[in-house]
Amino acid sequence: MTDDSAPVRFDTKIAVLLRDDLQTWQRLNVTAFLVSGLGTAAPEVIGEPYADADGTPYLPMFRQPVLVFAGSKELLTTAHTRAVGRGVTMAVFTTDLFATGHDEANRAAVRAVKRDAMDLVGLAVHGPRNAVDKILKGASMHS
């Protein structure tokens, strides 16, 4: 017999790192945009669809927690470099994206800037637990 209430330890980790000087609305917006891409690149992180007791269907969600961290602009740059070096699945959000109004403009804004010159305000990563921990070294849990 298994205990369905026992905590599950996942081999992978999903984490978002936000720049610590963002306004509340920006933190929420950036987090939502960043995690939206992870399920498409790593479909194994998506669980099964939900349904309530009446049979109303709901969309599936991540099968594991998403941890949200905060750090300085410099830490985001360092974490980005570490993530690229480790080849983990990653999404980025730059300052320029606050001024765009649609997906095509977002992609053009990112494409216009070289990797080392991006003004990052957030990134999301998915990968092995230890790799994600090393990428986020120095970040603190978002409060």
Foldseek 3Di string as FASTA:
>chain_A
DDDPPDDDDDQKAKEKEFEPPDDPVVVVVQVVVQVVPPCVVPVVQWDDWDADPVGRTGGTDGPDDYFYWYDHQVLVLQLLVLCVVVVWDKDFDAPVVVVDDDDVVRVVVVVVDDSNPTRTRMMMTMDGPVSNCVSNPPIGGDD
